[in-house]
Amino acid sequence: MGKYRRGGYVFITWKGDHPPRHVHVYRDGKLIVKWDSDNQKPMKGAATRRLLELISELEAEGLL
């Protein structure tokens, strides 16, 4: 499991989780978006521009 905190959000990934590759994003314990990293679209919820920037930063750092 990878758990990262950025900009007031918590990003969680699980090794061996079902495809497609995705990240769960929480704020204040509530799921904001389940982001499909393979297809660059939400699987559940919605992502703001700021949240997409944070996801992009984490991916560039090799954390997601």
Protein backbone atom coordinates (compact mmCIF):
# COMPACT_ATOMS: atom_id res chain seq x y z
CA MET A 1 0.00 0.00 0.00
CA GLY A 2 1.20 3.49 -0.81
CA LYS A 3 -0.21 6.38 1.21
CA TYR A 4 0.78 9.98 0.42
CA ARG A 5 -0.48 13.31 1.77
CA ARG A 6 -0.46 16.44 -0.38
CA GLY A 7 -2.50 19.64 -0.38
CA GLY A 8 -4.96 18.42 2.25
CA TYR A 9 -5.65 15.18 0.38
CA VAL A 10 -4.66 11.58 1.09
CA PHE A 11 -3.73 9.44 -1.94
CA ILE A 12 -3.88 5.66 -1.49
CA THR A 13 -2.87 2.84 -3.82
CA TRP A 14 -2.78 -0.90 -3.16
CA LYS A 15 -0.41 -3.36 -4.77
CA GLY A 16 -2.32 -6.18 -6.40
CA ASP A 17 -5.54 -4.13 -6.56
CA HIS A 18 -7.87 -4.79 -9.49
CA PRO A 19 -7.10 -3.26 -12.90
CA PRO A 20 -7.03 -0.62 -14.22
CA ARG A 21 -4.25 0.99 -12.18
CA HIS A 22 -5.88 3.63 -10.00
CA VAL A 23 -5.57 5.83 -6.90
CA HIS A 24 -8.15 6.55 -4.19
CA VAL A 25 -8.16 10.20 -3.09
CA TYR A 26 -9.64 11.23 0.27
CA ARG A 27 -10.17 14.53 2.06
CA ASP A 28 -11.32 14.62 5.68
CA GLY A 29 -11.94 10.85 5.52
CA LYS A 30 -14.33 11.14 2.55
CA LEU A 31 -13.62 9.65 -0.88
CA ILE A 32 -13.30 12.50 -3.39
CA VAL A 33 -12.28 10.56 -6.48
CA LYS A 34 -11.09 7.14 -7.56
CA TRP A 35 -8.75 8.10 -10.40
CA ASP A 36 -7.97 5.70 -13.27
CA SER A 37 -4.24 6.30 -13.87
CA ASP A 38 -4.15 4.17 -17.02
CA ASN A 39 -6.94 6.04 -18.85
CA GLN A 40 -6.61 9.43 -17.08
CA LYS A 41 -10.26 9.68 -16.04
CA PRO A 42 -12.35 9.32 -12.89
CA MET A 43 -13.79 5.92 -12.06
CA LYS A 44 -15.88 7.42 -9.25
CA GLY A 45 -16.34 11.01 -8.13
CA ALA A 46 -14.80 14.09 -9.74
CA ALA A 47 -11.37 15.68 -9.74
CA THR A 48 -10.66 19.41 -9.59
CA ARG A 49 -7.86 20.99 -11.61
CA ARG A 50 -5.77 21.29 -8.42
CA LEU A 51 -6.31 17.61 -7.61
CA LEU A 52 -5.24 16.64 -11.14
CA GLU A 53 -2.08 18.71 -10.67
CA LEU A 54 -1.29 16.88 -7.43
CA ILE A 55 -1.88 13.47 -9.06
CA SER A 56 0.37 14.49 -11.93
CA GLU A 57 3.14 15.58 -9.50
CA LEU A 58 2.95 12.29 -7.60
CA GLU A 59 3.10 10.32 -10.87
CA ALA A 60 6.13 12.36 -12.04
CA GLU A 61 7.87 11.53 -8.76
CA GLY A 62 7.15 7.83 -9.33
CA LEU A 63 4.96 7.54 -6.25
CA LEU A 64 1.75 6.59 -8.07
